[in-house]
Amino acid sequence: MINRTMVRTRVIQTLFAYYKDSDKTPGKARKELRKSFADTYDLYFILLDFANELTAYAQKQQEEQIGRARATHSGWTPNRRFVENRLAQKLFENRALRSRIQEQHLVWDSGMVAVSDIYKQLMESKYYKEYMEAEECTFEDDKRIWRQIYQHLLVNSESLSDALDEMEVTLDKSNWTVDADVILSYVIKTIKRFTEDSTPETPLLEMFDSEDELQFATDLLNKAIEGHDEFEVLINKHLKGWEADRIAYMDRVIVETALAEIVGFEQIPLTISLNEYIELAKEYSGDKSYMFVNGILTEILREMKNEGKFFKVLALK
């Protein structure tokens, strides 16, 4: 699930905090990096478990309606299609999901305002009404309504963002708010994997896309820390045209991490490294940061090429 782009992001964030910490040690930084990965993985599970929370909330609302109907002798009969949705039931029964939720104490208690909000939006949606009113309902229909909920009601949801802010504090997690839309795409991918024959043993996504990613993350962090002094000298040497005291510290960290990757991982093509860190600067730093990152890296790598230090920078003009 956690791919190399996310690994680079986590390393940059960890380094940024590391250099600001007066009590910093490489061991502490490595520990924080591992925690950041675990937090991201927990977000995947708690967003998957939203299906259970919303279903339980819908069940409660329906029970209250039944109670009111009995009190007024209206004889109202509930439509239980949503609360008996088979995909939601399979997620609730999934052993990997239940185990992670219980072991990490991942609860929605401080995010229930979002559950209520999103339920109200769901009730007003066209796709929910069509789902509830259809003459027949297949397992694919049950899957589709949940994909629509995640895609239309949770992606870019202010309610969800506010809830995750609260839950980060309550559960001692980090990056949940900024990661939500990315992780939601993995939740939707997971839903697509379920079939009517899926059992409670159905596997969910692993924490990393491959076993190499954690090693890459640890090595990148170590190389960036080890090369910090040298990288700072290189950056300062090529600051012509830029005011040193006005360069965002995040931009420096991005450039240093990029240099650690370019110098330390010969198997990664230069163009991939450059493009990845320029895109990270666009996303996580100032409006013109990508121009600084691109410009400084280009100058430093051109110098490396002229000095014949690294074979993979020879493609630079």
C-alpha atoms as a PDB file:
ATOM      1  CA  MET A   1       0.000   0.000   0.000  1.00  0.00           C
ATOM      2  CA  ILE A   2       2.715   2.465   1.006  1.00  0.00           C
ATOM      3  CA  ASN A   3       4.575   3.112  -2.232  1.00  0.00           C
ATOM      4  CA  ARG A   4       7.895   4.803  -2.909  1.00  0.00           C
ATOM      5  CA  THR A   5       6.370   8.261  -3.362  1.00  0.00           C
ATOM      6  CA  MET A   6       4.795   8.042   0.084  1.00  0.00           C
ATOM      7  CA  VAL A   7       8.087   6.736   1.489  1.00  0.00           C
ATOM      8  CA  ARG A   8       9.894   9.836   0.183  1.00  0.00           C
ATOM      9  CA  THR A   9       7.211  12.065   1.702  1.00  0.00           C
ATOM     10  CA  ARG A  10       7.555  10.418   5.107  1.00  0.00           C
ATOM     11  CA  VAL A  11      11.357  10.672   5.033  1.00  0.00           C
ATOM     12  CA  ILE A  12      11.161  14.394   4.230  1.00  0.00           C
ATOM     13  CA  GLN A  13       8.643  15.006   7.017  1.00  0.00           C
ATOM     14  CA  THR A  14      10.742  13.023   9.477  1.00  0.00           C
ATOM     15  CA  LEU A  15      13.915  14.921   8.526  1.00  0.00           C
ATOM     16  CA  PHE A  16      12.146  18.269   8.837  1.00  0.00           C
ATOM     17  CA  ALA A  17      11.127  17.413  12.418  1.00  0.00           C
ATOM     18  CA  TYR A  18      14.550  15.883  13.138  1.00  0.00           C
ATOM     19  CA  TYR A  19      16.497  19.028  12.246  1.00  0.00           C
ATOM     20  CA  LYS A  20      14.127  21.181  14.332  1.00  0.00           C
ATOM     21  CA  ASP A  21      14.503  18.931  17.389  1.00  0.00           C
ATOM     22  CA  SER A  22      17.139  20.069  19.887  1.00  0.00           C
ATOM     23  CA  ASP A  23      17.187  16.564  21.368  1.00  0.00           C
ATOM     24  CA  LYS A  24      17.588  14.804  18.032  1.00  0.00           C
ATOM     25  CA  THR A  25      19.302  11.470  17.462  1.00  0.00           C
ATOM     26  CA  PRO A  26      19.312   9.285  14.320  1.00  0.00           C
ATOM     27  CA  GLY A  27      17.751   6.469  16.329  1.00  0.00           C
ATOM     28  CA  LYS A  28      14.877   8.682  17.387  1.00  0.00           C
ATOM     29  CA  ALA A  29      14.367   9.762  13.773  1.00  0.00           C
ATOM     30  CA  ARG A  30      14.230   6.149  12.596  1.00  0.00           C
ATOM     31  CA  LYS A  31      11.682   5.366  15.295  1.00  0.00           C
ATOM     32  CA  GLU A  32       9.519   8.327  14.238  1.00  0.00           C
ATOM     33  CA  LEU A  33       9.746   7.240  10.603  1.00  0.00           C
ATOM     34  CA  ARG A  34       8.491   3.744  11.450  1.00  0.00           C
ATOM     35  CA  LYS A  35       5.659   5.234  13.514  1.00  0.00           C
ATOM     36  CA  SER A  36       4.623   7.439  10.599  1.00  0.00           C
ATOM     37  CA  PHE A  37       4.259   4.345   8.409  1.00  0.00           C
ATOM     38  CA  ALA A  38       2.231   2.562  11.101  1.00  0.00           C
ATOM     39  CA  ASP A  39      -0.015   5.641  11.449  1.00  0.00           C
ATOM     40  CA  THR A  40      -0.653   5.672   7.702  1.00  0.00           C
ATOM     41  CA  TYR A  41      -1.521   1.988   7.786  1.00  0.00           C
ATOM     42  CA  ASP A  42      -3.894   2.591  10.713  1.00  0.00           C
ATOM     43  CA  LEU A  43      -5.655   5.248   8.652  1.00  0.00           C
ATOM     44  CA  TYR A  44      -6.321   2.623   5.976  1.00  0.00           C
ATOM     45  CA  PHE A  45      -7.990   0.377   8.554  1.00  0.00           C
ATOM     46  CA  ILE A  46     -10.050   3.046  10.247  1.00  0.00           C
ATOM     47  CA  LEU A  47     -11.334   4.311   6.891  1.00  0.00           C
ATOM     48  CA  LEU A  48     -12.259   0.750   5.931  1.00  0.00           C
ATOM     49  CA  ASP A  49     -14.057   0.473   9.259  1.00  0.00           C
ATOM     50  CA  PHE A  50     -16.086   3.575   8.427  1.00  0.00           C
ATOM     51  CA  ALA A  51     -18.413   1.168   6.605  1.00  0.00           C
ATOM     52  CA  ASN A  52     -19.171  -0.478   9.940  1.00  0.00           C
ATOM     53  CA  GLU A  53     -19.637   2.862  11.730  1.00  0.00           C
ATOM     54  CA  LEU A  54     -21.995   4.260   9.100  1.00  0.00           C
ATOM     55  CA  THR A  55     -23.982   1.014   8.977  1.00  0.00           C
ATOM     56  CA  ALA A  56     -24.312   0.963  12.770  1.00  0.00           C
ATOM     57  CA  TYR A  57     -25.418   4.600  12.725  1.00  0.00           C
ATOM     58  CA  ALA A  58     -28.009   3.852  10.018  1.00  0.00           C
ATOM     59  CA  GLN A  59     -29.251   0.886  12.074  1.00  0.00           C
ATOM     60  CA  LYS A  60     -29.661   3.125  15.122  1.00  0.00           C
ATOM     61  CA  GLN A  61     -31.570   5.728  13.118  1.00  0.00           C
ATOM     62  CA  GLN A  62     -33.853   3.042  11.752  1.00  0.00           C
ATOM     63  CA  GLU A  63     -34.531   1.634  15.205  1.00  0.00           C
ATOM     64  CA  GLU A  64     -35.504   5.080  16.427  1.00  0.00           C
ATOM     65  CA  GLN A  65     -37.892   5.427  13.481  1.00  0.00           C
ATOM     66  CA  ILE A  66     -39.414   2.041  14.320  1.00  0.00           C
ATOM     67  CA  GLY A  67     -39.914   3.189  17.900  1.00  0.00           C
ATOM     68  CA  ARG A  68     -41.665   6.364  16.788  1.00  0.00           C
ATOM     69  CA  ALA A  69     -43.833   4.391  14.357  1.00  0.00           C
ATOM     70  CA  ARG A  70     -44.929   2.053  17.123  1.00  0.00           C
ATOM     71  CA  ALA A  71     -45.711   4.954  19.426  1.00  0.00           C
ATOM     72  CA  THR A  72     -47.957   6.520  16.783  1.00  0.00           C
ATOM     73  CA  HIS A  73     -49.340   3.184  15.529  1.00  0.00           C
ATOM     74  CA  SER A  74     -48.378   4.149  11.966  1.00  0.00           C
ATOM     75  CA  GLY A  75     -47.397   0.628  10.903  1.00  0.00           C
ATOM     76  CA  TRP A  76     -44.268   1.828   9.114  1.00  0.00           C
ATOM     77  CA  THR A  77     -42.105  -0.964   7.645  1.00  0.00           C
ATOM     78  CA  PRO A  78     -38.374  -0.170   7.273  1.00  0.00           C
ATOM     79  CA  ASN A  79     -36.330  -0.848   4.149  1.00  0.00           C
ATOM     80  CA  ARG A  80     -33.356  -2.756   5.555  1.00  0.00           C
ATOM     81  CA  ARG A  81     -31.341  -3.018   2.337  1.00  0.00           C
ATOM     82  CA  PHE A  82     -28.618  -0.614   3.416  1.00  0.00           C
ATOM     83  CA  VAL A  83     -28.245  -1.844   7.002  1.00  0.00           C
ATOM     84  CA  GLU A  84     -28.045  -5.425   5.685  1.00  0.00           C
ATOM     85  CA  ASN A  85     -25.571  -4.556   2.929  1.00  0.00           C
ATOM     86  CA  ARG A  86     -23.464  -7.667   2.275  1.00  0.00           C
ATOM     87  CA  LEU A  87     -20.213  -5.851   1.494  1.00  0.00           C
ATOM     88  CA  ALA A  88     -20.381  -3.948   4.789  1.00  0.00           C
ATOM     89  CA  GLN A  89     -21.065  -7.221   6.583  1.00  0.00           C
ATOM     90  CA  LYS A  90     -18.019  -8.869   5.006  1.00  0.00           C
ATOM     91  CA  LEU A  91     -15.860  -5.940   6.067  1.00  0.00           C
ATOM     92  CA  PHE A  92     -17.230  -6.156   9.606  1.00  0.00           C
ATOM     93  CA  GLU A  93     -16.423  -9.890   9.731  1.00  0.00           C
ATOM     94  CA  ASN A  94     -12.962  -9.543   8.190  1.00  0.00           C
ATOM     95  CA  ARG A  95     -10.480 -10.880  10.736  1.00  0.00           C
ATOM     96  CA  ALA A  96      -7.531  -8.728   9.660  1.00  0.00           C
ATOM     97  CA  LEU A  97      -9.648  -5.583   9.943  1.00  0.00           C
ATOM     98  CA  ARG A  98     -11.186  -6.484  13.294  1.00  0.00           C
ATOM     99  CA  SER A  99      -7.801  -7.494  14.695  1.00  0.00           C
ATOM    100  CA  ARG A 100      -6.059  -4.227  13.715  1.00  0.00           C
ATOM    101  CA  ILE A 101      -8.973  -2.105  14.969  1.00  0.00           C
ATOM    102  CA  GLN A 102      -8.917  -3.846  18.350  1.00  0.00           C
ATOM    103  CA  GLU A 103      -5.138  -4.064  18.766  1.00  0.00           C
ATOM    104  CA  GLN A 104      -4.571  -0.385  17.952  1.00  0.00           C
ATOM    105  CA  HIS A 105      -7.754   0.813  19.713  1.00  0.00           C
ATOM    106  CA  LEU A 106      -8.911   2.565  16.550  1.00  0.00           C
ATOM    107  CA  VAL A 107     -12.294   4.042  17.418  1.00  0.00           C
ATOM    108  CA  TRP A 108     -14.527   6.645  15.800  1.00  0.00           C
ATOM    109  CA  ASP A 109     -15.704   8.133  19.110  1.00  0.00           C
ATOM    110  CA  SER A 110     -14.246  11.594  18.468  1.00  0.00           C
ATOM    111  CA  GLY A 111     -15.288  11.511  14.800  1.00  0.00           C
ATOM    112  CA  MET A 112     -18.971  10.694  15.119  1.00  0.00           C
ATOM    113  CA  VAL A 113     -20.047  14.152  13.953  1.00  0.00           C
ATOM    114  CA  ALA A 114     -18.652  13.210  10.533  1.00  0.00           C
ATOM    115  CA  VAL A 115     -20.535   9.905  10.564  1.00  0.00           C
ATOM    116  CA  SER A 116     -23.802  11.760  11.259  1.00  0.00           C
ATOM    117  CA  ASP A 117     -23.006  14.414   8.635  1.00  0.00           C
ATOM    118  CA  ILE A 118     -22.168  11.913   5.921  1.00  0.00           C
ATOM    119  CA  TYR A 119     -25.263   9.839   6.712  1.00  0.00           C
ATOM    120  CA  LYS A 120     -27.446  12.903   6.123  1.00  0.00           C
ATOM    121  CA  GLN A 121     -25.697  13.573   2.811  1.00  0.00           C
ATOM    122  CA  LEU A 122     -26.179   9.935   1.841  1.00  0.00           C
ATOM    123  CA  MET A 123     -29.923  10.101   2.513  1.00  0.00           C
ATOM    124  CA  GLU A 124     -30.211  12.996   0.052  1.00  0.00           C
ATOM    125  CA  SER A 125     -28.128  11.426  -2.713  1.00  0.00           C
ATOM    126  CA  LYS A 126     -29.619  10.154  -5.950  1.00  0.00           C
ATOM    127  CA  TYR A 127     -27.527   6.969  -5.970  1.00  0.00           C
ATOM    128  CA  TYR A 128     -28.719   5.999  -2.485  1.00  0.00           C
ATOM    129  CA  LYS A 129     -32.374   6.439  -3.455  1.00  0.00           C
ATOM    130  CA  GLU A 130     -31.852   4.392  -6.621  1.00  0.00           C
ATOM    131  CA  TYR A 131     -30.099   1.672  -4.602  1.00  0.00           C
ATOM    132  CA  MET A 132     -32.883   1.497  -2.031  1.00  0.00           C
ATOM    133  CA  GLU A 133     -35.716   1.572  -4.586  1.00  0.00           C
ATOM    134  CA  ALA A 134     -34.348  -0.959  -7.086  1.00  0.00           C
ATOM    135  CA  GLU A 135     -36.433  -4.111  -7.454  1.00  0.00           C
ATOM    136  CA  GLU A 136     -33.385  -6.366  -7.125  1.00  0.00           C
ATOM    137  CA  CYS A 137     -30.066  -5.983  -5.324  1.00  0.00           C
ATOM    138  CA  THR A 138     -27.009  -8.030  -6.246  1.00  0.00           C
ATOM    139  CA  PHE A 139     -23.720  -8.214  -4.381  1.00  0.00           C
ATOM    140  CA  GLU A 140     -22.254  -5.919  -7.044  1.00  0.00           C
ATOM    141  CA  ASP A 141     -24.973  -3.394  -6.195  1.00  0.00           C
ATOM    142  CA  ASP A 142     -23.963  -3.648  -2.531  1.00  0.00           C
ATOM    143  CA  LYS A 143     -20.339  -2.999  -3.494  1.00  0.00           C
ATOM    144  CA  ARG A 144     -21.259  -0.129  -5.797  1.00  0.00           C
ATOM    145  CA  ILE A 145     -23.115   1.880  -3.157  1.00  0.00           C
ATOM    146  CA  TRP A 146     -20.050   1.726  -0.897  1.00  0.00           C
ATOM    147  CA  ARG A 147     -17.695   2.761  -3.681  1.00  0.00           C
ATOM    148  CA  GLN A 148     -20.016   5.711  -4.319  1.00  0.00           C
ATOM    149  CA  ILE A 149     -20.040   6.631  -0.629  1.00  0.00           C
ATOM    150  CA  TYR A 150     -16.255   6.631  -0.443  1.00  0.00           C
ATOM    151  CA  GLN A 151     -15.779   8.385  -3.790  1.00  0.00           C
ATOM    152  CA  HIS A 152     -18.498  11.029  -3.519  1.00  0.00           C
ATOM    153  CA  LEU A 153     -18.980  11.637   0.191  1.00  0.00           C
ATOM    154  CA  LEU A 154     -15.571  10.995   1.760  1.00  0.00           C
ATOM    155  CA  VAL A 155     -13.047  12.188  -0.829  1.00  0.00           C
ATOM    156  CA  ASN A 156     -12.398  15.914  -0.195  1.00  0.00           C
ATOM    157  CA  SER A 157     -14.911  15.841   2.665  1.00  0.00           C
ATOM    158  CA  GLU A 158     -14.593  18.708   5.149  1.00  0.00           C
ATOM    159  CA  SER A 159     -16.530  16.665   7.694  1.00  0.00           C
ATOM    160  CA  LEU A 160     -14.076  13.794   7.388  1.00  0.00           C
ATOM    161  CA  SER A 161     -11.106  16.166   7.539  1.00  0.00           C
ATOM    162  CA  ASP A 162     -12.409  17.737  10.760  1.00  0.00           C
ATOM    163  CA  ALA A 163     -13.035  14.293  12.243  1.00  0.00           C
ATOM    164  CA  LEU A 164      -9.540  13.080  11.384  1.00  0.00           C
ATOM    165  CA  ASP A 165      -8.080  16.213  12.967  1.00  0.00           C
ATOM    166  CA  GLU A 166      -9.843  15.317  16.201  1.00  0.00           C
ATOM    167  CA  MET A 167      -8.955  11.650  15.972  1.00  0.00           C
ATOM    168  CA  GLU A 168      -5.261  12.407  15.342  1.00  0.00           C
ATOM    169  CA  VAL A 169      -5.099  14.095  18.726  1.00  0.00           C
ATOM    170  CA  THR A 170      -7.221  11.514  20.535  1.00  0.00           C
ATOM    171  CA  LEU A 171      -5.426   8.482  19.101  1.00  0.00           C
ATOM    172  CA  ASP A 172      -1.905   9.968  18.854  1.00  0.00           C
ATOM    173  CA  LYS A 173      -1.657   9.646  15.090  1.00  0.00           C
ATOM    174  CA  SER A 174      -0.148  11.894  12.431  1.00  0.00           C
ATOM    175  CA  ASN A 175      -0.735  12.873   8.792  1.00  0.00           C
ATOM    176  CA  TRP A 176      -4.248  11.417   8.763  1.00  0.00           C
ATOM    177  CA  THR A 177      -5.823  14.578   7.411  1.00  0.00           C
ATOM    178  CA  VAL A 178      -3.296  15.133   4.624  1.00  0.00           C
ATOM    179  CA  ASP A 179      -3.226  11.447   3.659  1.00  0.00           C
ATOM    180  CA  ALA A 180      -6.982  10.841   3.677  1.00  0.00           C
ATOM    181  CA  ASP A 181      -7.744  11.132  -0.043  1.00  0.00           C
ATOM    182  CA  VAL A 182      -4.750   8.985  -1.033  1.00  0.00           C
ATOM    183  CA  ILE A 183      -5.684   6.268   1.456  1.00  0.00           C
ATOM    184  CA  LEU A 184      -9.330   6.434   0.373  1.00  0.00           C
ATOM    185  CA  SER A 185      -8.188   5.363  -3.099  1.00  0.00           C
ATOM    186  CA  TYR A 186      -6.698   2.230  -1.489  1.00  0.00           C
ATOM    187  CA  VAL A 187      -9.932   1.616   0.419  1.00  0.00           C
ATOM    188  CA  ILE A 188     -11.872   1.747  -2.853  1.00  0.00           C
ATOM    189  CA  LYS A 189      -9.315  -0.604  -4.418  1.00  0.00           C
ATOM    190  CA  THR A 190      -9.856  -2.997  -1.490  1.00  0.00           C
ATOM    191  CA  ILE A 191     -13.637  -2.939  -1.901  1.00  0.00           C
ATOM    192  CA  LYS A 192     -13.252  -3.950  -5.546  1.00  0.00           C
ATOM    193  CA  ARG A 193     -11.372  -7.090  -4.461  1.00  0.00           C
ATOM    194  CA  PHE A 194     -14.280  -8.479  -2.434  1.00  0.00           C
ATOM    195  CA  THR A 195     -16.653 -11.001  -3.989  1.00  0.00           C
ATOM    196  CA  GLU A 196     -19.763 -12.778  -2.786  1.00  0.00           C
ATOM    197  CA  ASP A 197     -17.513 -15.724  -1.904  1.00  0.00           C
ATOM    198  CA  SER A 198     -15.066 -13.675   0.175  1.00  0.00           C
ATOM    199  CA  THR A 199     -14.521 -15.106   3.645  1.00  0.00           C
ATOM    200  CA  PRO A 200     -13.429 -13.494   6.938  1.00  0.00           C
ATOM    201  CA  GLU A 201      -9.893 -14.569   5.971  1.00  0.00           C
ATOM    202  CA  THR A 202      -9.862 -12.401   2.834  1.00  0.00           C
ATOM    203  CA  PRO A 203      -6.516 -10.558   2.869  1.00  0.00           C
ATOM    204  CA  LEU A 204      -6.366  -6.776   2.940  1.00  0.00           C
ATOM    205  CA  LEU A 205      -3.579  -4.638   1.506  1.00  0.00           C
ATOM    206  CA  GLU A 206      -0.124  -5.054   3.041  1.00  0.00           C
ATOM    207  CA  MET A 207       1.556  -2.043   4.647  1.00  0.00           C
ATOM    208  CA  PHE A 208       4.158  -1.765   1.865  1.00  0.00           C
ATOM    209  CA  ASP A 209       3.881  -2.393  -1.858  1.00  0.00           C
ATOM    210  CA  SER A 210       7.039  -4.511  -1.598  1.00  0.00           C
ATOM    211  CA  GLU A 211       9.430  -5.684   1.107  1.00  0.00           C
ATOM    212  CA  ASP A 212      12.109  -3.360  -0.286  1.00  0.00           C
ATOM    213  CA  GLU A 213      10.244  -0.152   0.560  1.00  0.00           C
ATOM    214  CA  LEU A 214      10.955  -0.134   4.309  1.00  0.00           C
ATOM    215  CA  GLN A 215      14.651  -0.782   3.676  1.00  0.00           C
ATOM    216  CA  PHE A 216      14.693   2.005   1.084  1.00  0.00           C
ATOM    217  CA  ALA A 217      13.062   4.362   3.599  1.00  0.00           C
ATOM    218  CA  THR A 218      15.553   3.539   6.360  1.00  0.00           C
ATOM    219  CA  ASP A 219      18.546   3.799   4.022  1.00  0.00           C
ATOM    220  CA  LEU A 220      17.331   7.104   2.546  1.00  0.00           C
ATOM    221  CA  LEU A 221      16.834   8.608   6.002  1.00  0.00           C
ATOM    222  CA  ASN A 222      20.293   7.456   7.133  1.00  0.00           C
ATOM    223  CA  LYS A 223      22.034   8.721   3.990  1.00  0.00           C
ATOM    224  CA  ALA A 224      20.317  12.109   4.280  1.00  0.00           C
ATOM    225  CA  ILE A 225      21.379  12.501   7.915  1.00  0.00           C
ATOM    226  CA  GLU A 226      24.930  11.333   7.201  1.00  0.00           C
ATOM    227  CA  GLY A 227      25.301  13.701   4.239  1.00  0.00           C
ATOM    228  CA  HIS A 228      23.591  16.703   5.866  1.00  0.00           C
ATOM    229  CA  ASP A 229      26.692  18.858   6.347  1.00  0.00           C
ATOM    230  CA  GLU A 230      28.023  18.170   2.859  1.00  0.00           C
ATOM    231  CA  PHE A 231      24.623  18.793   1.260  1.00  0.00           C
ATOM    232  CA  GLU A 232      24.244  22.106   3.105  1.00  0.00           C
ATOM    233  CA  VAL A 233      27.594  23.271   1.747  1.00  0.00           C
ATOM    234  CA  LEU A 234      26.535  22.342  -1.795  1.00  0.00           C
ATOM    235  CA  ILE A 235      23.199  24.139  -1.451  1.00  0.00           C
ATOM    236  CA  ASN A 236      24.757  27.310  -0.032  1.00  0.00           C
ATOM    237  CA  LYS A 237      27.380  27.297  -2.792  1.00  0.00           C
ATOM    238  CA  HIS A 238      24.696  27.393  -5.491  1.00  0.00           C
ATOM    239  CA  LEU A 239      22.309  29.909  -3.934  1.00  0.00           C
ATOM    240  CA  LYS A 240      23.158  32.686  -6.392  1.00  0.00           C
ATOM    241  CA  GLY A 241      19.959  34.478  -7.327  1.00  0.00           C
ATOM    242  CA  TRP A 242      18.217  33.203  -4.181  1.00  0.00           C
ATOM    243  CA  GLU A 243      18.243  34.929  -0.801  1.00  0.00           C
ATOM    244  CA  ALA A 244      19.504  32.352   1.706  1.00  0.00           C
ATOM    245  CA  ASP A 245      17.456  33.643   4.645  1.00  0.00           C
ATOM    246  CA  ARG A 246      14.252  33.566   2.581  1.00  0.00           C
ATOM    247  CA  ILE A 247      14.568  29.949   1.436  1.00  0.00           C
ATOM    248  CA  ALA A 248      11.983  27.815   3.226  1.00  0.00           C
ATOM    249  CA  TYR A 249      13.615  25.191   5.422  1.00  0.00           C
ATOM    250  CA  MET A 250      11.322  22.563   3.926  1.00  0.00           C
ATOM    251  CA  ASP A 251      12.826  23.355   0.518  1.00  0.00           C
ATOM    252  CA  ARG A 252      16.312  22.699   1.875  1.00  0.00           C
ATOM    253  CA  VAL A 253      15.183  19.403   3.367  1.00  0.00           C
ATOM    254  CA  ILE A 254      13.647  18.360   0.047  1.00  0.00           C
ATOM    255  CA  VAL A 255      16.860  19.171  -1.828  1.00  0.00           C
ATOM    256  CA  GLU A 256      19.003  17.342   0.752  1.00  0.00           C
ATOM    257  CA  THR A 257      16.786  14.257   0.569  1.00  0.00           C
ATOM    258  CA  ALA A 258      16.897  14.347  -3.224  1.00  0.00           C
ATOM    259  CA  LEU A 259      20.686  14.523  -3.147  1.00  0.00           C
ATOM    260  CA  ALA A 260      20.841  11.623  -0.693  1.00  0.00           C
ATOM    261  CA  GLU A 261      18.797   9.536  -3.118  1.00  0.00           C
ATOM    262  CA  ILE A 262      20.702  10.596  -6.232  1.00  0.00           C
ATOM    263  CA  VAL A 263      24.095   9.991  -4.622  1.00  0.00           C
ATOM    264  CA  GLY A 264      23.178   6.931  -2.590  1.00  0.00           C
ATOM    265  CA  PHE A 265      20.945   4.880  -4.888  1.00  0.00           C
ATOM    266  CA  GLU A 266      22.648   4.333  -8.219  1.00  0.00           C
ATOM    267  CA  GLN A 267      19.906   1.963  -9.420  1.00  0.00           C
ATOM    268  CA  ILE A 268      17.236   4.713  -9.376  1.00  0.00           C
ATOM    269  CA  PRO A 269      17.208   6.688 -12.656  1.00  0.00           C
ATOM    270  CA  LEU A 270      18.049  10.360 -12.258  1.00  0.00           C
ATOM    271  CA  THR A 271      14.900  11.563 -14.022  1.00  0.00           C
ATOM    272  CA  ILE A 272      12.703   9.641 -11.585  1.00  0.00           C
ATOM    273  CA  SER A 273      14.433  11.160  -8.554  1.00  0.00           C
ATOM    274  CA  LEU A 274      14.293  14.697  -9.970  1.00  0.00           C
ATOM    275  CA  ASN A 275      10.634  14.480 -10.964  1.00  0.00           C
ATOM    276  CA  GLU A 276       9.583  12.978  -7.634  1.00  0.00           C
ATOM    277  CA  TYR A 277      11.185  15.697  -5.502  1.00  0.00           C
ATOM    278  CA  ILE A 278      10.007  18.533  -7.742  1.00  0.00           C
ATOM    279  CA  GLU A 279       6.457  17.206  -7.371  1.00  0.00           C
ATOM    280  CA  LEU A 280       6.889  16.903  -3.595  1.00  0.00           C
ATOM    281  CA  ALA A 281       8.011  20.542  -3.477  1.00  0.00           C
ATOM    282  CA  LYS A 282       4.838  21.546  -5.343  1.00  0.00           C
ATOM    283  CA  GLU A 283       2.681  19.672  -2.857  1.00  0.00           C
ATOM    284  CA  TYR A 284       4.362  20.303   0.475  1.00  0.00           C
ATOM    285  CA  SER A 285       6.121  23.649   0.228  1.00  0.00           C
ATOM    286  CA  GLY A 286       5.595  27.184  -1.122  1.00  0.00           C
ATOM    287  CA  ASP A 287       4.182  28.234  -4.487  1.00  0.00           C
ATOM    288  CA  LYS A 288       7.603  28.732  -6.089  1.00  0.00           C
ATOM    289  CA  SER A 289       9.419  26.020  -4.150  1.00  0.00           C
ATOM    290  CA  TYR A 290       9.517  23.613  -7.064  1.00  0.00           C
ATOM    291  CA  MET A 291      11.444  26.236  -9.066  1.00  0.00           C
ATOM    292  CA  PHE A 292      14.038  26.521  -6.297  1.00  0.00           C
ATOM    293  CA  VAL A 293      14.306  22.742  -5.894  1.00  0.00           C
ATOM    294  CA  ASN A 294      14.632  22.227  -9.650  1.00  0.00           C
ATOM    295  CA  GLY A 295      17.124  25.074 -10.074  1.00  0.00           C
ATOM    296  CA  ILE A 296      19.407  24.163  -7.168  1.00  0.00           C
ATOM    297  CA  LEU A 297      19.430  20.454  -7.997  1.00  0.00           C
ATOM    298  CA  THR A 298      20.210  21.172 -11.641  1.00  0.00           C
ATOM    299  CA  GLU A 299      23.172  23.384 -10.695  1.00  0.00           C
ATOM    300  CA  ILE A 300      24.565  20.916  -8.162  1.00  0.00           C
ATOM    301  CA  LEU A 301      24.211  17.972 -10.534  1.00  0.00           C
ATOM    302  CA  ARG A 302      25.810  19.920 -13.369  1.00  0.00           C
ATOM    303  CA  GLU A 303      28.814  20.509 -11.131  1.00  0.00           C
ATOM    304  CA  MET A 304      28.931  16.791 -10.315  1.00  0.00           C
ATOM    305  CA  LYS A 305      28.890  15.988 -13.994  1.00  0.00           C
ATOM    306  CA  ASN A 306      31.726  18.398 -14.743  1.00  0.00           C
ATOM    307  CA  GLU A 307      33.788  16.901 -11.934  1.00  0.00           C
ATOM    308  CA  GLY A 308      33.004  13.355 -13.101  1.00  0.00           C
ATOM    309  CA  LYS A 309      31.723  12.273  -9.706  1.00  0.00           C
ATOM    310  CA  PHE A 310      28.565  10.353 -10.583  1.00  0.00           C
ATOM    311  CA  PHE A 311      27.892   8.368 -13.730  1.00  0.00           C
ATOM    312  CA  LYS A 312      24.135   8.817 -13.757  1.00  0.00           C
ATOM    313  CA  VAL A 313      24.248  12.607 -13.969  1.00  0.00           C
ATOM    314  CA  LEU A 314      25.966  12.475 -17.362  1.00  0.00           C
ATOM    315  CA  ALA A 315      22.618  12.925 -19.108  1.00  0.00           C
ATOM    316  CA  LEU A 316      22.418  16.508 -17.798  1.00  0.00           C
ATOM    317  CA  LYS A 317      23.046  19.161 -20.405  1.00  0.00           C
END
